[in-house]
Amino acid sequence: MKRSSEQILTEWLVINCQMGDVIAMQKLLKIWYPKLLRYAFRQIGDQQKSEDAVQNALETMSAKLNKLKDSAAFPKWIYQILHHKCVDIIRQNQRQKNIVNSYQEFVYSENEYLLNSKTEDNLCFDEMVNHLPTEIYQLVHLYYLEGLSVVEIQQVLDIPLGTVKSRLHHARKLIRNNLTGD
């Protein structure tokens, strides 16, 4: 798979962060914070709690970044950390509110979802996937927007590989139906 300039820049910044470059860390956060916040918000549905999840993930990232051996694995690694932080917050919310299905019952307004504005192509993509179920959206986001492989997604979400593949297939079918109006 061809690597984008952003992927190469991320790898370079990660290596520099591991060497203690504070400016590289600031640049890395500038690139990744909006992506992580958008992903967390989609999972949690609450802006403040999404920011908390991202903050927790970034704290873990800064503490353990030196242990990351392959800078190219950073996207998978950080999304895996964030996914676990989101799950922790969701479980905490469920205990506090005693609502079993709160994770899948949130609704997004277009303005909140587009909080960290994207390019026109990504806006069209967002319109196509905006109404997908959360577990399907996770896969589509990680696979198409972040370029993670199905194996990396399986590791991030901690679900069977066959489930990842079948959900991606189902997502493609749903998007195709949305495009054709079926």
N, C-alpha and C. Protein backbone atom coordinates (compact mmCIF):
# COMPACT_ATOMS: atom_id res chain seq x y z
N MET A 1 0.84 -1.17 0.00
CA MET A 1 0.00 0.00 0.00
C MET A 1 0.89 1.23 0.00
N LYS A 2 0.57 2.18 -0.84
CA LYS A 2 1.33 3.41 -0.95
C LYS A 2 1.12 4.27 0.28
N ARG A 3 2.20 4.78 0.83
CA ARG A 3 2.11 5.61 2.02
C ARG A 3 1.93 7.07 1.63
N SER A 4 1.08 7.75 2.36
CA SER A 4 0.84 9.16 2.08
C SER A 4 1.91 10.01 2.76
N SER A 5 1.96 11.27 2.37
CA SER A 5 2.92 12.18 2.99
C SER A 5 2.62 12.35 4.48
N GLU A 6 1.33 12.28 4.85
CA GLU A 6 0.98 12.40 6.27
C GLU A 6 1.48 11.20 7.06
N GLN A 7 1.42 10.02 6.47
CA GLN A 7 1.93 8.83 7.15
C GLN A 7 3.44 8.92 7.35
N ILE A 8 4.12 9.39 6.33
CA ILE A 8 5.57 9.53 6.43
C ILE A 8 5.93 10.59 7.47
N LEU A 9 5.21 11.72 7.44
CA LEU A 9 5.44 12.78 8.43
C LEU A 9 5.18 12.26 9.84
N THR A 10 4.12 11.49 10.01
CA THR A 10 3.81 10.93 11.33
C THR A 10 4.95 10.04 11.82
N GLU A 11 5.45 9.19 10.95
CA GLU A 11 6.56 8.31 11.33
C GLU A 11 7.78 9.12 11.74
N TRP A 12 8.07 10.15 10.98
CA TRP A 12 9.23 11.00 11.28
C TRP A 12 9.04 11.71 12.61
N LEU A 13 7.84 12.23 12.84
CA LEU A 13 7.56 12.92 14.10
C LEU A 13 7.64 11.97 15.29
N VAL A 14 7.14 10.76 15.13
CA VAL A 14 7.21 9.77 16.21
C VAL A 14 8.66 9.48 16.58
N ILE A 15 9.50 9.30 15.59
CA ILE A 15 10.92 9.03 15.84
C ILE A 15 11.55 10.21 16.58
N ASN A 16 11.23 11.43 16.14
CA ASN A 16 11.78 12.60 16.81
C ASN A 16 11.24 12.75 18.23
N CYS A 17 9.97 12.41 18.43
CA CYS A 17 9.39 12.45 19.79
C CYS A 17 10.12 11.46 20.69
N GLN A 18 10.44 10.31 20.16
CA GLN A 18 11.14 9.30 20.94
C GLN A 18 12.54 9.77 21.33
N MET A 19 13.08 10.72 20.55
CA MET A 19 14.39 11.28 20.86
C MET A 19 14.28 12.51 21.76
N GLY A 20 13.03 12.85 22.18
CA GLY A 20 12.85 13.93 23.13
C GLY A 20 12.56 15.29 22.52
N ASP A 21 12.23 15.34 21.24
CA ASP A 21 11.95 16.61 20.56
C ASP A 21 10.54 17.10 20.92
N VAL A 22 10.47 18.18 21.70
CA VAL A 22 9.20 18.72 22.16
C VAL A 22 8.39 19.31 21.00
N ILE A 23 9.07 19.96 20.08
CA ILE A 23 8.38 20.56 18.93
C ILE A 23 7.75 19.47 18.06
N ALA A 24 8.46 18.35 17.90
CA ALA A 24 7.90 17.23 17.14
C ALA A 24 6.64 16.71 17.82
N MET A 25 6.63 16.66 19.15
CA MET A 25 5.44 16.21 19.89
C MET A 25 4.27 17.16 19.63
N GLN A 26 4.55 18.46 19.64
CA GLN A 26 3.49 19.44 19.38
C GLN A 26 2.91 19.26 17.98
N LYS A 27 3.78 19.04 17.01
CA LYS A 27 3.32 18.83 15.63
C LYS A 27 2.54 17.52 15.50
N LEU A 28 3.01 16.49 16.18
CA LEU A 28 2.31 15.20 16.15
C LEU A 28 0.90 15.36 16.74
N LEU A 29 0.81 16.08 17.84
CA LEU A 29 -0.51 16.30 18.46
C LEU A 29 -1.40 17.16 17.57
N LYS A 30 -0.82 18.11 16.88
CA LYS A 30 -1.61 18.97 15.98
C LYS A 30 -2.25 18.14 14.86
N ILE A 31 -1.52 17.16 14.39
CA ILE A 31 -2.05 16.28 13.33
C ILE A 31 -3.07 15.29 13.89
N TRP A 32 -2.75 14.67 15.02
CA TRP A 32 -3.54 13.54 15.51
C TRP A 32 -4.67 13.90 16.45
N TYR A 33 -4.60 15.01 17.16
CA TYR A 33 -5.66 15.33 18.13
C TYR A 33 -7.03 15.41 17.48
N PRO A 34 -7.19 16.15 16.36
CA PRO A 34 -8.54 16.20 15.74
C PRO A 34 -9.05 14.84 15.28
N LYS A 35 -8.16 14.01 14.75
CA LYS A 35 -8.57 12.67 14.31
C LYS A 35 -9.04 11.82 15.49
N LEU A 36 -8.26 11.87 16.55
CA LEU A 36 -8.59 11.07 17.73
C LEU A 36 -9.87 11.57 18.37
N LEU A 37 -10.05 12.88 18.43
CA LEU A 37 -11.25 13.45 19.01
C LEU A 37 -12.49 13.06 18.20
N ARG A 38 -12.38 13.11 16.89
CA ARG A 38 -13.49 12.74 16.01
C ARG A 38 -13.86 11.27 16.23
N TYR A 39 -12.85 10.41 16.31
CA TYR A 39 -13.08 8.98 16.53
C TYR A 39 -13.73 8.75 17.90
N ALA A 40 -13.19 9.39 18.93
CA ALA A 40 -13.73 9.22 20.28
C ALA A 40 -15.16 9.74 20.37
N PHE A 41 -15.42 10.87 19.73
CA PHE A 41 -16.77 11.43 19.78
C PHE A 41 -17.76 10.48 19.13
N ARG A 42 -17.36 9.86 18.05
CA ARG A 42 -18.25 8.91 17.38
C ARG A 42 -18.55 7.71 18.28
N GLN A 43 -17.58 7.33 19.10
CA GLN A 43 -17.78 6.18 19.98
C GLN A 43 -18.59 6.53 21.22
N ILE A 44 -18.32 7.71 21.80
CA ILE A 44 -18.90 8.06 23.09
C ILE A 44 -20.14 8.93 22.95
N GLY A 45 -20.14 9.86 22.00
CA GLY A 45 -21.30 10.71 21.77
C GLY A 45 -21.38 11.92 22.68
N ASP A 46 -20.36 12.20 23.43
CA ASP A 46 -20.34 13.34 24.34
C ASP A 46 -19.01 14.05 24.16
N GLN A 47 -19.06 15.33 23.86
CA GLN A 47 -17.84 16.08 23.55
C GLN A 47 -16.86 16.07 24.72
N GLN A 48 -17.32 16.37 25.92
CA GLN A 48 -16.43 16.44 27.08
C GLN A 48 -15.80 15.08 27.39
N LYS A 49 -16.60 14.04 27.36
CA LYS A 49 -16.08 12.71 27.66
C LYS A 49 -15.15 12.22 26.54
N SER A 50 -15.42 12.66 25.31
CA SER A 50 -14.52 12.33 24.20
C SER A 50 -13.17 13.00 24.41
N GLU A 51 -13.20 14.25 24.82
CA GLU A 51 -11.95 14.96 25.10
C GLU A 51 -11.19 14.27 26.24
N ASP A 52 -11.92 13.80 27.25
CA ASP A 52 -11.30 13.07 28.35
C ASP A 52 -10.62 11.79 27.86
N ALA A 53 -11.32 11.07 26.99
CA ALA A 53 -10.76 9.82 26.46
C ALA A 53 -9.49 10.10 25.66
N VAL A 54 -9.53 11.14 24.83
CA VAL A 54 -8.36 11.49 24.04
C VAL A 54 -7.22 11.92 24.96
N GLN A 55 -7.54 12.72 25.96
CA GLN A 55 -6.50 13.15 26.91
C GLN A 55 -5.87 11.95 27.60
N ASN A 56 -6.68 11.02 28.04
CA ASN A 56 -6.16 9.80 28.68
C ASN A 56 -5.28 9.00 27.72
N ALA A 57 -5.72 8.90 26.48
CA ALA A 57 -4.94 8.16 25.48
C ALA A 57 -3.60 8.86 25.22
N LEU A 58 -3.63 10.18 25.16
CA LEU A 58 -2.39 10.92 24.91
C LEU A 58 -1.42 10.83 26.10
N GLU A 59 -1.97 10.77 27.29
CA GLU A 59 -1.11 10.56 28.47
C GLU A 59 -0.42 9.20 28.39
N THR A 60 -1.19 8.19 28.04
CA THR A 60 -0.61 6.85 27.88
C THR A 60 0.41 6.84 26.76
N MET A 61 0.07 7.52 25.66
CA MET A 61 0.98 7.59 24.51
C MET A 61 2.31 8.22 24.92
N SER A 62 2.25 9.35 25.61
CA SER A 62 3.49 10.03 25.97
C SER A 62 4.33 9.21 26.95
N ALA A 63 3.67 8.45 27.81
CA ALA A 63 4.40 7.62 28.76
C ALA A 63 5.03 6.40 28.10
N LYS A 64 4.41 5.90 27.04
CA LYS A 64 4.87 4.63 26.45
C LYS A 64 5.41 4.77 25.03
N LEU A 65 5.51 5.99 24.52
CA LEU A 65 5.94 6.18 23.13
C LEU A 65 7.33 5.61 22.88
N ASN A 66 8.21 5.70 23.86
CA ASN A 66 9.57 5.18 23.68
C ASN A 66 9.60 3.66 23.52
N LYS A 67 8.54 2.98 23.93
CA LYS A 67 8.48 1.53 23.81
C LYS A 67 7.99 1.09 22.42
N LEU A 68 7.45 2.03 21.64
CA LEU A 68 6.97 1.71 20.29
C LEU A 68 8.19 1.48 19.40
N LYS A 69 8.31 0.28 18.88
CA LYS A 69 9.50 -0.07 18.10
C LYS A 69 9.39 0.32 16.64
N ASP A 70 8.18 0.30 16.08
CA ASP A 70 7.98 0.60 14.67
C ASP A 70 7.13 1.86 14.55
N SER A 71 7.72 2.93 14.09
CA SER A 71 6.99 4.20 13.99
C SER A 71 5.84 4.10 12.99
N ALA A 72 5.91 3.19 12.04
CA ALA A 72 4.83 3.01 11.08
C ALA A 72 3.59 2.41 11.74
N ALA A 73 3.77 1.78 12.89
CA ALA A 73 2.64 1.17 13.62
C ALA A 73 1.93 2.17 14.52
N PHE A 74 2.37 3.43 14.51
CA PHE A 74 1.79 4.43 15.40
C PHE A 74 0.27 4.56 15.25
N PRO A 75 -0.28 4.68 14.02
CA PRO A 75 -1.74 4.82 13.92
C PRO A 75 -2.50 3.68 14.58
N LYS A 76 -2.10 2.46 14.29
CA LYS A 76 -2.76 1.30 14.90
C LYS A 76 -2.62 1.35 16.42
N TRP A 77 -1.44 1.67 16.88
CA TRP A 77 -1.13 1.70 18.30
C TRP A 77 -1.95 2.76 19.03
N ILE A 78 -2.01 3.98 18.49
CA ILE A 78 -2.72 5.06 19.18
C ILE A 78 -4.23 4.82 19.14
N TYR A 79 -4.74 4.29 18.02
CA TYR A 79 -6.17 3.99 17.96
C TYR A 79 -6.53 2.85 18.92
N GLN A 80 -5.63 1.92 19.09
CA GLN A 80 -5.87 0.83 20.03
C GLN A 80 -5.95 1.38 21.46
N ILE A 81 -5.03 2.27 21.79
CA ILE A 81 -5.05 2.90 23.12
C ILE A 81 -6.35 3.68 23.29
N LEU A 82 -6.69 4.50 22.29
CA LEU A 82 -7.90 5.32 22.37
C LEU A 82 -9.16 4.45 22.47
N HIS A 83 -9.19 3.39 21.70
CA HIS A 83 -10.35 2.49 21.75
C HIS A 83 -10.56 1.98 23.17
N HIS A 84 -9.49 1.57 23.82
CA HIS A 84 -9.61 1.05 25.19
C HIS A 84 -10.04 2.15 26.16
N LYS A 85 -9.55 3.37 25.97
CA LYS A 85 -9.95 4.49 26.83
C LYS A 85 -11.43 4.81 26.63
N CYS A 86 -11.89 4.75 25.40
CA CYS A 86 -13.31 4.99 25.12
C CYS A 86 -14.17 3.91 25.78
N VAL A 87 -13.73 2.68 25.66
CA VAL A 87 -14.48 1.58 26.28
C VAL A 87 -14.54 1.77 27.79
N ASP A 88 -13.43 2.18 28.39
CA ASP A 88 -13.43 2.43 29.84
C ASP A 88 -14.45 3.50 30.22
N ILE A 89 -14.48 4.58 29.45
CA ILE A 89 -15.41 5.67 29.75
C ILE A 89 -16.85 5.22 29.53
N ILE A 90 -17.09 4.47 28.49
CA ILE A 90 -18.45 3.98 28.21
C ILE A 90 -18.92 3.06 29.35
N ARG A 91 -18.05 2.18 29.78
CA ARG A 91 -18.42 1.29 30.90
C ARG A 91 -18.68 2.09 32.16
N GLN A 92 -17.86 3.08 32.40
CA GLN A 92 -18.05 3.94 33.57
C GLN A 92 -19.40 4.67 33.48
N ASN A 93 -19.73 5.18 32.31
CA ASN A 93 -21.02 5.85 32.11
C ASN A 93 -22.18 4.91 32.34
N GLN A 94 -22.05 3.69 31.86
CA GLN A 94 -23.13 2.73 32.02
C GLN A 94 -23.36 2.41 33.50
N ARG A 95 -22.28 2.28 34.23
CA ARG A 95 -22.43 2.01 35.67
C ARG A 95 -23.07 3.20 36.36
N GLN A 96 -22.60 4.41 36.04
CA GLN A 96 -23.10 5.61 36.70
C GLN A 96 -24.55 5.88 36.37
N LYS A 97 -24.93 5.72 35.14
CA LYS A 97 -26.28 6.04 34.70
C LYS A 97 -27.20 4.83 34.67
N ASN A 98 -26.62 3.64 34.79
CA ASN A 98 -27.39 2.40 34.78
C ASN A 98 -28.22 2.29 33.50
N ILE A 99 -27.59 2.66 32.38
CA ILE A 99 -28.26 2.56 31.09
C ILE A 99 -27.50 1.54 30.26
N VAL A 100 -28.11 0.45 29.96
CA VAL A 100 -27.44 -0.65 29.28
C VAL A 100 -27.02 -0.31 27.86
N ASN A 101 -27.86 0.38 27.10
CA ASN A 101 -27.56 0.61 25.69
C ASN A 101 -27.14 2.03 25.36
N SER A 102 -26.60 2.77 26.31
CA SER A 102 -26.25 4.16 26.04
C SER A 102 -25.17 4.30 24.96
N TYR A 103 -24.36 3.27 24.81
CA TYR A 103 -23.28 3.33 23.82
C TYR A 103 -23.80 3.47 22.38
N GLN A 104 -24.93 2.88 22.06
CA GLN A 104 -25.42 2.89 20.69
C GLN A 104 -26.61 3.82 20.48
N GLU A 105 -27.04 4.57 21.49
CA GLU A 105 -28.25 5.36 21.37
C GLU A 105 -28.01 6.85 21.18
N PHE A 106 -26.78 7.26 20.99
CA PHE A 106 -26.56 8.69 20.84
C PHE A 106 -26.83 9.13 19.40
N VAL A 107 -27.13 10.42 19.27
CA VAL A 107 -27.45 10.99 17.96
C VAL A 107 -26.50 12.14 17.70
N TYR A 108 -26.11 12.27 16.45
CA TYR A 108 -25.16 13.31 16.09
C TYR A 108 -25.85 14.39 15.25
N SER A 109 -25.58 15.61 15.56
CA SER A 109 -26.01 16.68 14.66
C SER A 109 -24.86 16.91 13.69
N GLU A 110 -25.17 17.36 12.52
CA GLU A 110 -24.14 17.52 11.49
C GLU A 110 -23.06 18.50 11.94
N ASN A 111 -23.44 19.53 12.65
CA ASN A 111 -22.45 20.52 13.10
C ASN A 111 -21.47 19.93 14.10
N GLU A 112 -21.93 19.11 15.03
CA GLU A 112 -21.04 18.50 16.00
C GLU A 112 -20.11 17.50 15.33
N TYR A 113 -20.65 16.72 14.41
CA TYR A 113 -19.84 15.70 13.77
C TYR A 113 -18.75 16.32 12.91
N LEU A 114 -19.05 17.47 12.32
CA LEU A 114 -18.08 18.14 11.46
C LEU A 114 -17.24 19.14 12.24
N LEU A 115 -17.15 18.98 13.54
CA LEU A 115 -16.45 19.90 14.43
C LEU A 115 -15.04 20.21 13.93
N ASN A 116 -14.31 19.21 13.58
CA ASN A 116 -12.95 19.40 13.06
C ASN A 116 -13.01 19.23 11.55
N SER A 117 -13.37 20.32 10.86
CA SER A 117 -13.71 20.27 9.44
C SER A 117 -12.64 19.57 8.62
N LYS A 118 -13.13 18.96 7.53
CA LYS A 118 -12.29 18.14 6.69
C LYS A 118 -12.38 18.63 5.25
N THR A 119 -11.71 17.95 4.35
CA THR A 119 -11.75 18.31 2.94
C THR A 119 -13.10 17.94 2.36
N GLU A 120 -13.39 18.47 1.16
CA GLU A 120 -14.67 18.17 0.52
C GLU A 120 -14.86 16.69 0.27
N ASP A 121 -13.78 16.00 -0.13
CA ASP A 121 -13.89 14.55 -0.37
C ASP A 121 -14.29 13.83 0.91
N ASN A 122 -13.67 14.20 2.02
CA ASN A 122 -14.01 13.55 3.29
C ASN A 122 -15.41 13.91 3.73
N LEU A 123 -15.88 15.14 3.39
CA LEU A 123 -17.25 15.51 3.73
C LEU A 123 -18.23 14.61 2.99
N CYS A 124 -17.96 14.35 1.71
CA CYS A 124 -18.83 13.45 0.95
C CYS A 124 -18.79 12.05 1.56
N PHE A 125 -17.62 11.62 1.94
CA PHE A 125 -17.47 10.32 2.59
C PHE A 125 -18.27 10.29 3.87
N ASP A 126 -18.16 11.35 4.68
CA ASP A 126 -18.89 11.41 5.94
C ASP A 126 -20.39 11.35 5.71
N GLU A 127 -20.87 12.01 4.67
CA GLU A 127 -22.30 11.96 4.37
C GLU A 127 -22.73 10.54 4.07
N MET A 128 -21.86 9.78 3.40
CA MET A 128 -22.20 8.40 3.05
C MET A 128 -22.22 7.49 4.27
N VAL A 129 -21.35 7.73 5.23
CA VAL A 129 -21.22 6.81 6.36
C VAL A 129 -21.84 7.34 7.65
N ASN A 130 -22.37 8.54 7.63
CA ASN A 130 -22.87 9.19 8.85
C ASN A 130 -23.95 8.37 9.55
N HIS A 131 -24.76 7.66 8.79
CA HIS A 131 -25.88 6.94 9.39
C HIS A 131 -25.61 5.45 9.60
N LEU A 132 -24.36 5.04 9.44
CA LEU A 132 -24.02 3.64 9.68
C LEU A 132 -24.04 3.35 11.18
N PRO A 133 -24.36 2.13 11.55
CA PRO A 133 -24.27 1.75 12.98
C PRO A 133 -22.83 1.96 13.48
N THR A 134 -22.69 2.24 14.75
CA THR A 134 -21.39 2.58 15.33
C THR A 134 -20.33 1.53 15.08
N GLU A 135 -20.66 0.25 15.27
CA GLU A 135 -19.64 -0.78 15.10
C GLU A 135 -19.19 -0.89 13.65
N ILE A 136 -20.07 -0.55 12.70
CA ILE A 136 -19.71 -0.55 11.28
C ILE A 136 -18.88 0.69 10.98
N TYR A 137 -19.29 1.83 11.53
CA TYR A 137 -18.55 3.08 11.30
C TYR A 137 -17.11 2.96 11.79
N GLN A 138 -16.90 2.31 12.94
CA GLN A 138 -15.55 2.14 13.46
C GLN A 138 -14.65 1.53 12.40
N LEU A 139 -15.12 0.46 11.81
CA LEU A 139 -14.32 -0.25 10.82
C LEU A 139 -14.07 0.60 9.59
N VAL A 140 -15.11 1.24 9.09
CA VAL A 140 -14.98 2.07 7.90
C VAL A 140 -13.98 3.20 8.16
N HIS A 141 -14.09 3.83 9.31
CA HIS A 141 -13.19 4.93 9.66
C HIS A 141 -11.74 4.45 9.70
N LEU A 142 -11.52 3.36 10.41
CA LEU A 142 -10.15 2.87 10.57
C LEU A 142 -9.59 2.35 9.24
N TYR A 143 -10.42 1.71 8.44
CA TYR A 143 -9.95 1.08 7.20
C TYR A 143 -9.74 2.12 6.10
N TYR A 144 -10.75 2.96 5.86
CA TYR A 144 -10.68 3.88 4.72
C TYR A 144 -10.04 5.22 5.05
N LEU A 145 -10.30 5.77 6.22
CA LEU A 145 -9.73 7.08 6.54
C LEU A 145 -8.33 6.98 7.12
N GLU A 146 -8.06 5.95 7.90
CA GLU A 146 -6.76 5.83 8.54
C GLU A 146 -5.86 4.82 7.86
N GLY A 147 -6.40 4.02 6.97
CA GLY A 147 -5.57 3.10 6.20
C GLY A 147 -5.05 1.91 6.97
N LEU A 148 -5.74 1.55 8.06
CA LEU A 148 -5.32 0.37 8.82
C LEU A 148 -5.75 -0.90 8.08
N SER A 149 -4.96 -1.94 8.20
CA SER A 149 -5.31 -3.22 7.58
C SER A 149 -6.37 -3.91 8.43
N VAL A 150 -6.99 -4.95 7.87
CA VAL A 150 -8.00 -5.68 8.62
C VAL A 150 -7.39 -6.35 9.86
N VAL A 151 -6.15 -6.77 9.77
CA VAL A 151 -5.48 -7.38 10.92
C VAL A 151 -5.26 -6.33 12.01
N GLU A 152 -4.84 -5.12 11.59
CA GLU A 152 -4.63 -4.05 12.58
C GLU A 152 -5.95 -3.65 13.22
N ILE A 153 -7.01 -3.59 12.43
CA ILE A 153 -8.33 -3.25 12.97
C ILE A 153 -8.78 -4.33 13.96
N GLN A 154 -8.52 -5.58 13.61
CA GLN A 154 -8.87 -6.68 14.50
C GLN A 154 -8.16 -6.52 15.84
N GLN A 155 -6.93 -6.09 15.80
CA GLN A 155 -6.17 -5.89 17.04
C GLN A 155 -6.67 -4.67 17.81
N VAL A 156 -6.99 -3.59 17.10
CA VAL A 156 -7.48 -2.37 17.76
C VAL A 156 -8.80 -2.64 18.48
N LEU A 157 -9.73 -3.27 17.77
CA LEU A 157 -11.07 -3.47 18.32
C LEU A 157 -11.21 -4.76 19.11
N ASP A 158 -10.20 -5.61 19.03
CA ASP A 158 -10.19 -6.86 19.77
C ASP A 158 -11.41 -7.72 19.44
N ILE A 159 -11.63 -7.88 18.13
CA ILE A 159 -12.70 -8.73 17.63
C ILE A 159 -12.10 -9.71 16.63
N PRO A 160 -12.79 -10.81 16.35
CA PRO A 160 -12.25 -11.79 15.41
C PRO A 160 -12.06 -11.21 14.00
N LEU A 161 -11.05 -11.72 13.31
CA LEU A 161 -10.73 -11.25 11.96
C LEU A 161 -11.91 -11.43 11.01
N GLY A 162 -12.60 -12.55 11.13
CA GLY A 162 -13.77 -12.79 10.29
C GLY A 162 -14.86 -11.76 10.51
N THR A 163 -15.01 -11.30 11.75
CA THR A 163 -16.00 -10.28 12.06
C THR A 163 -15.63 -8.97 11.38
N VAL A 164 -14.35 -8.62 11.40
CA VAL A 164 -13.89 -7.40 10.74
C VAL A 164 -14.23 -7.47 9.25
N LYS A 165 -13.88 -8.59 8.64
CA LYS A 165 -14.11 -8.74 7.20
C LYS A 165 -15.60 -8.70 6.87
N SER A 166 -16.42 -9.39 7.64
CA SER A 166 -17.85 -9.41 7.33
C SER A 166 -18.48 -8.05 7.57
N ARG A 167 -18.05 -7.34 8.61
CA ARG A 167 -18.60 -5.99 8.85
C ARG A 167 -18.18 -5.02 7.75
N LEU A 168 -16.95 -5.15 7.27
CA LEU A 168 -16.52 -4.29 6.15
C LEU A 168 -17.34 -4.59 4.90
N HIS A 169 -17.60 -5.87 4.67
CA HIS A 169 -18.43 -6.25 3.54
C HIS A 169 -19.84 -5.67 3.69
N HIS A 170 -20.38 -5.79 4.88
CA HIS A 170 -21.71 -5.25 5.17
C HIS A 170 -21.71 -3.73 5.01
N ALA A 171 -20.66 -3.07 5.45
CA ALA A 171 -20.56 -1.61 5.33
C ALA A 171 -20.54 -1.18 3.87
N ARG A 172 -19.78 -1.90 3.05
CA ARG A 172 -19.73 -1.58 1.61
C ARG A 172 -21.11 -1.73 0.99
N LYS A 173 -21.82 -2.76 1.40
CA LYS A 173 -23.16 -3.00 0.88
C LYS A 173 -24.10 -1.86 1.29
N LEU A 174 -24.03 -1.44 2.55
CA LEU A 174 -24.88 -0.34 3.03
C LEU A 174 -24.56 0.96 2.30
N ILE A 175 -23.28 1.24 2.12
CA ILE A 175 -22.88 2.48 1.42
C ILE A 175 -23.34 2.43 -0.03
N ARG A 176 -23.17 1.29 -0.66
CA ARG A 176 -23.60 1.13 -2.05
C ARG A 176 -25.12 1.35 -2.16
N ASN A 177 -25.86 0.78 -1.20
CA ASN A 177 -27.31 0.99 -1.20
C ASN A 177 -27.68 2.45 -0.99
N ASN A 178 -26.94 3.15 -0.14
CA ASN A 178 -27.18 4.57 0.07
C ASN A 178 -26.91 5.38 -1.19
N LEU A 179 -25.86 4.98 -1.93
CA LEU A 179 -25.51 5.71 -3.15
C LEU A 179 -26.54 5.47 -4.26
N THR A 180 -27.01 4.24 -4.35
CA THR A 180 -27.95 3.91 -5.43
C THR A 180 -29.40 4.18 -5.03
N GLY A 181 -29.63 4.45 -3.77
CA GLY A 181 -30.99 4.75 -3.30
C GLY A 181 -31.85 3.52 -3.08
N ASP A 182 -31.22 2.35 -2.99
CA ASP A 182 -31.99 1.10 -2.74
C ASP A 182 -32.41 1.01 -1.30
